[in-house]
Amino acid sequence: MDEQQEVINQCQELLDYQFSNIEILARALTHSSVAHSREDSNERMEFLGDAVLALVVCRELYDHRDELTEGEMTKVKSSVVSRSTCAIVAEEIGLCDQLFLGKGMSKRGQLPVSVAAAVFESIIGAIYLDGGLEPARDFILHHINSHMDEALANEHQQNFKSLLQQYAQRRLGLTPDYHLLDEKGPDHSKCFEVAVAIEGRHFPSAWGMTKKQAEQGAAQLALAELGLLEDDDLSQDEAE
């Protein structure tokens, strides 16, 4: 068995997917530094895989995260399909050790982020070309779900207004009302005091350098009073 065939067999085990057309996988693993031409490298599959990855992530968010706004879904998607996340996933799977590279590039040590990310996307493109959307979707979600959960958690931690709105709409069918109570300082450096109320219940006010910042602070205090925040959420914000 030659070296290329051994790599391909090992890669299929890592992917838990058997290719009908081995040539597609071989091209997905071929970096431009060793390819005879650009067409023989994985660059075109990388382009296709990037689009499939974005589609799958967007559909997953649309289908199962109906509490998220369009802007929040965009932020989560951007994090999940980012070059850094794709590179991490490639390392987790072990794809970086399967690449066919030119003499100027070594598999020893960590590959550049762009190269590691590209092989993950090219593999997605290869699975899509070989088996269609469903196996590509299964592969993506299997490896990306934990990163999606992390991005969602980070988004929630950063957006207390979103969390409070979700609570109010789901539990009460209402939208929180934010009230500007006071503002201080010169026009170029104002501070704002904002409080939030839900169904006549008023919560402690918060100050911020902008109205948006004050609203986030007010929402955080309301969530804390409702018992919907972990201690870490409060301590982290206070530290900032």
C-alpha atoms as a PDB file:
ATOM      1  CA  MET A   1       0.000   0.000   0.000  1.00  0.00           C
ATOM      2  CA  ASP A   2       1.507   3.369  -1.019  1.00  0.00           C
ATOM      3  CA  GLU A   3       1.729   6.327   1.335  1.00  0.00           C
ATOM      4  CA  GLN A   4      -1.134   8.269  -0.259  1.00  0.00           C
ATOM      5  CA  GLN A   5      -3.519   5.323   0.022  1.00  0.00           C
ATOM      6  CA  GLU A   6      -2.532   4.825   3.652  1.00  0.00           C
ATOM      7  CA  VAL A   7      -3.262   8.476   4.435  1.00  0.00           C
ATOM      8  CA  ILE A   8      -6.616   8.290   2.662  1.00  0.00           C
ATOM      9  CA  ASN A   9      -7.634   5.171   4.581  1.00  0.00           C
ATOM     10  CA  GLN A  10      -6.610   6.730   7.879  1.00  0.00           C
ATOM     11  CA  CYS A  11      -8.435   9.943   7.035  1.00  0.00           C
ATOM     12  CA  GLN A  12     -11.667   8.083   6.287  1.00  0.00           C
ATOM     13  CA  GLU A  13     -11.446   6.483   9.728  1.00  0.00           C
ATOM     14  CA  LEU A  14     -10.989   9.883  11.339  1.00  0.00           C
ATOM     15  CA  LEU A  15     -13.947  11.264   9.414  1.00  0.00           C
ATOM     16  CA  ASP A  16     -16.125   8.204  10.020  1.00  0.00           C
ATOM     17  CA  TYR A  17     -17.141   8.485   6.377  1.00  0.00           C
ATOM     18  CA  GLN A  18     -16.303   6.224   3.450  1.00  0.00           C
ATOM     19  CA  PHE A  19     -15.948   7.972   0.116  1.00  0.00           C
ATOM     20  CA  SER A  20     -17.454   6.497  -3.029  1.00  0.00           C
ATOM     21  CA  ASN A  21     -14.949   8.517  -5.036  1.00  0.00           C
ATOM     22  CA  ILE A  22     -11.526   8.432  -3.375  1.00  0.00           C
ATOM     23  CA  GLU A  23     -10.173  11.017  -5.811  1.00  0.00           C
ATOM     24  CA  ILE A  24     -12.398  13.653  -4.221  1.00  0.00           C
ATOM     25  CA  LEU A  25     -10.872  13.000  -0.799  1.00  0.00           C
ATOM     26  CA  ALA A  26      -7.354  12.962  -2.233  1.00  0.00           C
ATOM     27  CA  ARG A  27      -7.896  16.404  -3.758  1.00  0.00           C
ATOM     28  CA  ALA A  28      -9.400  17.726  -0.514  1.00  0.00           C
ATOM     29  CA  LEU A  29      -6.160  16.791   1.248  1.00  0.00           C
ATOM     30  CA  THR A  30      -3.868  18.298  -1.401  1.00  0.00           C
ATOM     31  CA  HIS A  31      -2.430  21.678  -0.474  1.00  0.00           C
ATOM     32  CA  SER A  32      -1.525  24.084  -3.264  1.00  0.00           C
ATOM     33  CA  SER A  33       2.156  23.830  -2.275  1.00  0.00           C
ATOM     34  CA  VAL A  34       2.305  20.287  -3.669  1.00  0.00           C
ATOM     35  CA  ALA A  35      -0.406  20.413  -6.364  1.00  0.00           C
ATOM     36  CA  HIS A  36       0.563  20.489 -10.046  1.00  0.00           C
ATOM     37  CA  SER A  37      -1.945  23.294 -10.580  1.00  0.00           C
ATOM     38  CA  ARG A  38      -4.493  25.276  -8.594  1.00  0.00           C
ATOM     39  CA  GLU A  39      -7.225  23.052 -10.014  1.00  0.00           C
ATOM     40  CA  ASP A  40      -5.523  20.010  -8.485  1.00  0.00           C
ATOM     41  CA  SER A  41      -5.414  21.557  -4.986  1.00  0.00           C
ATOM     42  CA  ASN A  42      -8.125  21.760  -2.351  1.00  0.00           C
ATOM     43  CA  GLU A  43      -8.785  25.479  -2.866  1.00  0.00           C
ATOM     44  CA  ARG A  44     -11.995  25.093  -4.879  1.00  0.00           C
ATOM     45  CA  MET A  45     -13.351  22.544  -2.402  1.00  0.00           C
ATOM     46  CA  GLU A  46     -12.475  24.919   0.408  1.00  0.00           C
ATOM     47  CA  PHE A  47     -14.656  27.554  -1.266  1.00  0.00           C
ATOM     48  CA  LEU A  48     -17.546  25.102  -1.594  1.00  0.00           C
ATOM     49  CA  GLY A  49     -17.129  23.745   1.931  1.00  0.00           C
ATOM     50  CA  ASP A  50     -17.177  27.232   3.401  1.00  0.00           C
ATOM     51  CA  ALA A  51     -20.594  27.837   1.811  1.00  0.00           C
ATOM     52  CA  VAL A  52     -21.968  24.466   2.973  1.00  0.00           C
ATOM     53  CA  LEU A  53     -20.700  25.078   6.519  1.00  0.00           C
ATOM     54  CA  ALA A  54     -22.394  28.477   6.656  1.00  0.00           C
ATOM     55  CA  LEU A  55     -25.645  27.039   5.298  1.00  0.00           C
ATOM     56  CA  VAL A  56     -25.747  24.200   7.822  1.00  0.00           C
ATOM     57  CA  VAL A  57     -24.955  26.460  10.779  1.00  0.00           C
ATOM     58  CA  CYS A  58     -27.539  29.054   9.695  1.00  0.00           C
ATOM     59  CA  ARG A  59     -30.227  26.398   9.218  1.00  0.00           C
ATOM     60  CA  GLU A  60     -29.436  24.873  12.613  1.00  0.00           C
ATOM     61  CA  LEU A  61     -29.754  28.266  14.310  1.00  0.00           C
ATOM     62  CA  TYR A  62     -32.949  29.047  12.402  1.00  0.00           C
ATOM     63  CA  ASP A  63     -34.588  25.708  13.232  1.00  0.00           C
ATOM     64  CA  HIS A  64     -33.599  25.338  16.875  1.00  0.00           C
ATOM     65  CA  ARG A  65     -32.837  28.809  18.257  1.00  0.00           C
ATOM     66  CA  ASP A  66     -36.057  30.709  17.639  1.00  0.00           C
ATOM     67  CA  GLU A  67     -35.328  33.009  20.590  1.00  0.00           C
ATOM     68  CA  LEU A  68     -32.410  34.605  18.747  1.00  0.00           C
ATOM     69  CA  THR A  69     -32.739  37.757  16.692  1.00  0.00           C
ATOM     70  CA  GLU A  70     -31.243  37.985  13.223  1.00  0.00           C
ATOM     71  CA  GLY A  71     -28.353  40.038  14.597  1.00  0.00           C
ATOM     72  CA  GLU A  72     -27.622  37.491  17.322  1.00  0.00           C
ATOM     73  CA  MET A  73     -27.720  34.617  14.830  1.00  0.00           C
ATOM     74  CA  THR A  74     -25.269  36.524  12.647  1.00  0.00           C
ATOM     75  CA  LYS A  75     -22.837  36.939  15.548  1.00  0.00           C
ATOM     76  CA  VAL A  76     -23.023  33.262  16.505  1.00  0.00           C
ATOM     77  CA  LYS A  77     -22.635  32.142  12.894  1.00  0.00           C
ATOM     78  CA  SER A  78     -19.634  34.418  12.387  1.00  0.00           C
ATOM     79  CA  SER A  79     -17.951  32.912  15.436  1.00  0.00           C
ATOM     80  CA  VAL A  80     -18.689  29.299  14.486  1.00  0.00           C
ATOM     81  CA  VAL A  81     -17.587  29.539  10.846  1.00  0.00           C
ATOM     82  CA  SER A  82     -14.558  31.724  11.606  1.00  0.00           C
ATOM     83  CA  ARG A  83     -11.113  30.710  10.462  1.00  0.00           C
ATOM     84  CA  SER A  84      -9.936  30.190  14.034  1.00  0.00           C
ATOM     85  CA  THR A  85     -12.819  27.834  14.895  1.00  0.00           C
ATOM     86  CA  CYS A  86     -12.362  25.845  11.679  1.00  0.00           C
ATOM     87  CA  ALA A  87      -8.657  25.485  12.458  1.00  0.00           C
ATOM     88  CA  ILE A  88      -9.407  24.248  15.980  1.00  0.00           C
ATOM     89  CA  VAL A  89     -11.850  21.654  14.645  1.00  0.00           C
ATOM     90  CA  ALA A  90      -9.312  20.482  12.061  1.00  0.00           C
ATOM     91  CA  GLU A  91      -6.797  19.960  14.859  1.00  0.00           C
ATOM     92  CA  GLU A  92      -9.379  18.166  17.014  1.00  0.00           C
ATOM     93  CA  ILE A  93     -10.179  15.721  14.219  1.00  0.00           C
ATOM     94  CA  GLY A  94      -6.526  15.217  13.298  1.00  0.00           C
ATOM     95  CA  LEU A  95      -6.868  16.475   9.726  1.00  0.00           C
ATOM     96  CA  CYS A  96      -3.714  18.572   9.792  1.00  0.00           C
ATOM     97  CA  ASP A  97      -1.574  15.433   9.928  1.00  0.00           C
ATOM     98  CA  GLN A  98      -3.301  14.049   6.822  1.00  0.00           C
ATOM     99  CA  LEU A  99      -2.496  16.906   4.458  1.00  0.00           C
ATOM    100  CA  PHE A 100      -0.305  16.428   1.397  1.00  0.00           C
ATOM    101  CA  LEU A 101       2.150  19.328   1.640  1.00  0.00           C
ATOM    102  CA  GLY A 102       5.050  20.656  -0.401  1.00  0.00           C
ATOM    103  CA  LYS A 103       8.644  20.473   0.803  1.00  0.00           C
ATOM    104  CA  GLY A 104       8.494  24.062   1.999  1.00  0.00           C
ATOM    105  CA  MET A 105       5.859  23.170   4.559  1.00  0.00           C
ATOM    106  CA  SER A 106       6.268  20.710   7.372  1.00  0.00           C
ATOM    107  CA  LYS A 107       3.636  18.705   9.226  1.00  0.00           C
ATOM    108  CA  ARG A 108       5.759  18.977  12.319  1.00  0.00           C
ATOM    109  CA  GLY A 109       4.604  21.714  14.598  1.00  0.00           C
ATOM    110  CA  GLN A 110       1.400  23.657  14.204  1.00  0.00           C
ATOM    111  CA  LEU A 111       0.272  24.569  10.722  1.00  0.00           C
ATOM    112  CA  PRO A 112      -0.770  28.157   9.960  1.00  0.00           C
ATOM    113  CA  VAL A 113      -4.350  28.799  10.987  1.00  0.00           C
ATOM    114  CA  SER A 114      -5.365  29.502   7.385  1.00  0.00           C
ATOM    115  CA  VAL A 115      -4.074  26.108   6.212  1.00  0.00           C
ATOM    116  CA  ALA A 116      -5.693  24.204   9.072  1.00  0.00           C
ATOM    117  CA  ALA A 117      -9.025  25.979   8.534  1.00  0.00           C
ATOM    118  CA  ALA A 118      -8.875  25.331   4.797  1.00  0.00           C
ATOM    119  CA  VAL A 119      -8.551  21.563   5.166  1.00  0.00           C
ATOM    120  CA  PHE A 120     -11.645  21.393   7.392  1.00  0.00           C
ATOM    121  CA  GLU A 121     -13.637  23.368   4.829  1.00  0.00           C
ATOM    122  CA  SER A 122     -12.278  21.353   1.916  1.00  0.00           C
ATOM    123  CA  ILE A 123     -13.258  18.106   3.654  1.00  0.00           C
ATOM    124  CA  ILE A 124     -16.787  19.461   4.081  1.00  0.00           C
ATOM    125  CA  GLY A 125     -16.829  20.289   0.378  1.00  0.00           C
ATOM    126  CA  ALA A 126     -15.546  16.810  -0.457  1.00  0.00           C
ATOM    127  CA  ILE A 127     -18.212  15.032   1.610  1.00  0.00           C
ATOM    128  CA  TYR A 128     -20.873  17.245   0.027  1.00  0.00           C
ATOM    129  CA  LEU A 129     -19.655  16.426  -3.474  1.00  0.00           C
ATOM    130  CA  ASP A 130     -19.387  12.721  -2.715  1.00  0.00           C
ATOM    131  CA  GLY A 131     -22.560  12.112  -0.722  1.00  0.00           C
ATOM    132  CA  GLY A 132     -24.721  15.221  -0.777  1.00  0.00           C
ATOM    133  CA  LEU A 133     -25.952  17.601   1.882  1.00  0.00           C
ATOM    134  CA  GLU A 134     -27.130  15.130   4.545  1.00  0.00           C
ATOM    135  CA  PRO A 135     -23.775  13.435   5.251  1.00  0.00           C
ATOM    136  CA  ALA A 136     -22.072  16.838   5.076  1.00  0.00           C
ATOM    137  CA  ARG A 137     -24.591  18.190   7.569  1.00  0.00           C
ATOM    138  CA  ASP A 138     -24.104  15.225   9.910  1.00  0.00           C
ATOM    139  CA  PHE A 139     -20.328  15.649   9.767  1.00  0.00           C
ATOM    140  CA  ILE A 140     -20.505  19.387  10.414  1.00  0.00           C
ATOM    141  CA  LEU A 141     -22.898  19.197  13.351  1.00  0.00           C
ATOM    142  CA  HIS A 142     -21.004  16.333  14.962  1.00  0.00           C
ATOM    143  CA  HIS A 143     -17.842  18.425  15.102  1.00  0.00           C
ATOM    144  CA  ILE A 144     -19.235  21.948  15.412  1.00  0.00           C
ATOM    145  CA  ASN A 145     -22.055  21.590  17.962  1.00  0.00           C
ATOM    146  CA  SER A 146     -19.849  22.135  21.012  1.00  0.00           C
ATOM    147  CA  HIS A 147     -18.387  25.272  19.425  1.00  0.00           C
ATOM    148  CA  MET A 148     -21.885  26.501  18.572  1.00  0.00           C
ATOM    149  CA  ASP A 149     -22.970  25.988  22.185  1.00  0.00           C
ATOM    150  CA  GLU A 150     -19.953  27.960  23.364  1.00  0.00           C
ATOM    151  CA  ALA A 151     -20.687  30.808  20.958  1.00  0.00           C
ATOM    152  CA  LEU A 152     -24.320  30.861  22.086  1.00  0.00           C
ATOM    153  CA  ALA A 153     -23.277  30.959  25.736  1.00  0.00           C
ATOM    154  CA  ASN A 154     -20.906  33.853  25.059  1.00  0.00           C
ATOM    155  CA  GLU A 155     -23.601  35.726  23.164  1.00  0.00           C
ATOM    156  CA  HIS A 156     -26.059  35.293  26.012  1.00  0.00           C
ATOM    157  CA  GLN A 157     -23.510  36.431  28.595  1.00  0.00           C
ATOM    158  CA  GLN A 158     -22.861  39.573  26.608  1.00  0.00           C
ATOM    159  CA  ASN A 159     -26.521  40.383  25.964  1.00  0.00           C
ATOM    160  CA  PHE A 160     -28.557  40.653  29.151  1.00  0.00           C
ATOM    161  CA  LYS A 161     -31.323  42.525  27.303  1.00  0.00           C
ATOM    162  CA  SER A 162     -31.829  39.536  25.037  1.00  0.00           C
ATOM    163  CA  LEU A 163     -32.048  37.150  27.986  1.00  0.00           C
ATOM    164  CA  LEU A 164     -34.550  39.360  29.806  1.00  0.00           C
ATOM    165  CA  GLN A 165     -36.677  39.728  26.681  1.00  0.00           C
ATOM    166  CA  GLN A 166     -36.731  35.959  26.162  1.00  0.00           C
ATOM    167  CA  TYR A 167     -37.859  35.455  29.758  1.00  0.00           C
ATOM    168  CA  ALA A 168     -40.554  38.133  29.608  1.00  0.00           C
ATOM    169  CA  GLN A 169     -41.968  36.978  26.287  1.00  0.00           C
ATOM    170  CA  ARG A 170     -41.972  33.284  27.119  1.00  0.00           C
ATOM    171  CA  ARG A 171     -43.273  33.525  30.662  1.00  0.00           C
ATOM    172  CA  LEU A 172     -45.507  36.588  30.456  1.00  0.00           C
ATOM    173  CA  GLY A 173     -46.052  37.328  26.776  1.00  0.00           C
ATOM    174  CA  LEU A 174     -44.695  40.836  27.381  1.00  0.00           C
ATOM    175  CA  THR A 175     -41.777  43.020  26.340  1.00  0.00           C
ATOM    176  CA  PRO A 176     -39.651  44.772  29.003  1.00  0.00           C
ATOM    177  CA  ASP A 177     -39.994  48.564  29.168  1.00  0.00           C
ATOM    178  CA  TYR A 178     -36.808  50.610  29.592  1.00  0.00           C
ATOM    179  CA  HIS A 179     -37.068  54.074  31.170  1.00  0.00           C
ATOM    180  CA  LEU A 180     -34.450  56.810  31.090  1.00  0.00           C
ATOM    181  CA  LEU A 181     -34.437  58.208  34.638  1.00  0.00           C
ATOM    182  CA  ASP A 182     -31.542  60.654  34.606  1.00  0.00           C
ATOM    183  CA  GLU A 183     -28.503  61.856  32.714  1.00  0.00           C
ATOM    184  CA  LYS A 184     -25.476  63.738  33.950  1.00  0.00           C
ATOM    185  CA  GLY A 185     -22.373  65.390  32.573  1.00  0.00           C
ATOM    186  CA  PRO A 186     -21.520  67.554  29.561  1.00  0.00           C
ATOM    187  CA  ASP A 187     -22.824  66.673  26.093  1.00  0.00           C
ATOM    188  CA  HIS A 188     -19.534  65.080  25.038  1.00  0.00           C
ATOM    189  CA  SER A 189     -19.340  62.872  28.139  1.00  0.00           C
ATOM    190  CA  LYS A 190     -22.784  62.057  29.464  1.00  0.00           C
ATOM    191  CA  CYS A 191     -23.794  59.233  31.797  1.00  0.00           C
ATOM    192  CA  PHE A 192     -27.278  57.768  31.701  1.00  0.00           C
ATOM    193  CA  GLU A 193     -29.450  56.115  34.337  1.00  0.00           C
ATOM    194  CA  VAL A 194     -31.929  53.525  33.075  1.00  0.00           C
ATOM    195  CA  ALA A 195     -34.382  51.215  34.813  1.00  0.00           C
ATOM    196  CA  VAL A 196     -36.501  48.411  33.396  1.00  0.00           C
ATOM    197  CA  ALA A 197     -40.050  47.387  34.276  1.00  0.00           C
ATOM    198  CA  ILE A 198     -42.049  44.284  33.383  1.00  0.00           C
ATOM    199  CA  GLU A 199     -45.814  44.232  33.871  1.00  0.00           C
ATOM    200  CA  GLY A 200     -45.612  47.044  36.412  1.00  0.00           C
ATOM    201  CA  ARG A 201     -42.755  45.492  38.363  1.00  0.00           C
ATOM    202  CA  HIS A 202     -39.837  47.910  38.590  1.00  0.00           C
ATOM    203  CA  PHE A 203     -36.244  46.759  38.950  1.00  0.00           C
ATOM    204  CA  PRO A 204     -33.106  48.583  40.183  1.00  0.00           C
ATOM    205  CA  SER A 205     -31.603  51.189  37.878  1.00  0.00           C
ATOM    206  CA  ALA A 206     -28.132  51.147  36.323  1.00  0.00           C
ATOM    207  CA  TRP A 207     -25.764  53.818  35.008  1.00  0.00           C
ATOM    208  CA  GLY A 208     -23.827  53.641  31.774  1.00  0.00           C
ATOM    209  CA  MET A 209     -21.683  55.771  29.481  1.00  0.00           C
ATOM    210  CA  THR A 210     -24.307  55.214  26.765  1.00  0.00           C
ATOM    211  CA  LYS A 211     -28.037  54.503  26.914  1.00  0.00           C
ATOM    212  CA  LYS A 212     -27.400  51.048  25.461  1.00  0.00           C
ATOM    213  CA  GLN A 213     -24.820  50.277  28.145  1.00  0.00           C
ATOM    214  CA  ALA A 214     -27.184  51.477  30.864  1.00  0.00           C
ATOM    215  CA  GLU A 215     -29.994  49.321  29.450  1.00  0.00           C
ATOM    216  CA  GLN A 216     -27.723  46.273  29.520  1.00  0.00           C
ATOM    217  CA  GLY A 217     -26.865  47.030  33.142  1.00  0.00           C
ATOM    218  CA  ALA A 218     -30.522  47.462  34.058  1.00  0.00           C
ATOM    219  CA  ALA A 219     -31.402  44.178  32.349  1.00  0.00           C
ATOM    220  CA  GLN A 220     -28.603  42.419  34.228  1.00  0.00           C
ATOM    221  CA  LEU A 221     -29.895  43.717  37.571  1.00  0.00           C
ATOM    222  CA  ALA A 222     -33.415  42.621  36.692  1.00  0.00           C
ATOM    223  CA  LEU A 223     -32.196  39.138  35.766  1.00  0.00           C
ATOM    224  CA  ALA A 224     -30.286  38.941  39.048  1.00  0.00           C
ATOM    225  CA  GLU A 225     -33.367  39.954  41.048  1.00  0.00           C
ATOM    226  CA  LEU A 226     -35.415  37.344  39.186  1.00  0.00           C
ATOM    227  CA  GLY A 227     -32.815  34.696  40.082  1.00  0.00           C
ATOM    228  CA  LEU A 228     -31.941  34.032  36.447  1.00  0.00           C
ATOM    229  CA  LEU A 229     -28.203  34.755  36.588  1.00  0.00           C
ATOM    230  CA  GLU A 230     -25.347  32.662  37.870  1.00  0.00           C
ATOM    231  CA  ASP A 231     -22.913  34.258  40.318  1.00  0.00           C
ATOM    232  CA  ASP A 232     -20.233  34.150  37.605  1.00  0.00           C
ATOM    233  CA  ASP A 233     -22.343  36.432  35.392  1.00  0.00           C
ATOM    234  CA  LEU A 234     -22.397  39.082  38.090  1.00  0.00           C
ATOM    235  CA  SER A 235     -18.789  38.783  39.207  1.00  0.00           C
ATOM    236  CA  GLN A 236     -17.515  38.863  35.628  1.00  0.00           C
ATOM    237  CA  ASP A 237     -19.443  42.055  34.856  1.00  0.00           C
ATOM    238  CA  GLU A 238     -18.301  43.713  38.054  1.00  0.00           C
ATOM    239  CA  ALA A 239     -14.701  42.865  37.221  1.00  0.00           C
ATOM    240  CA  GLU A 240     -15.080  44.549  33.849  1.00  0.00           C
END
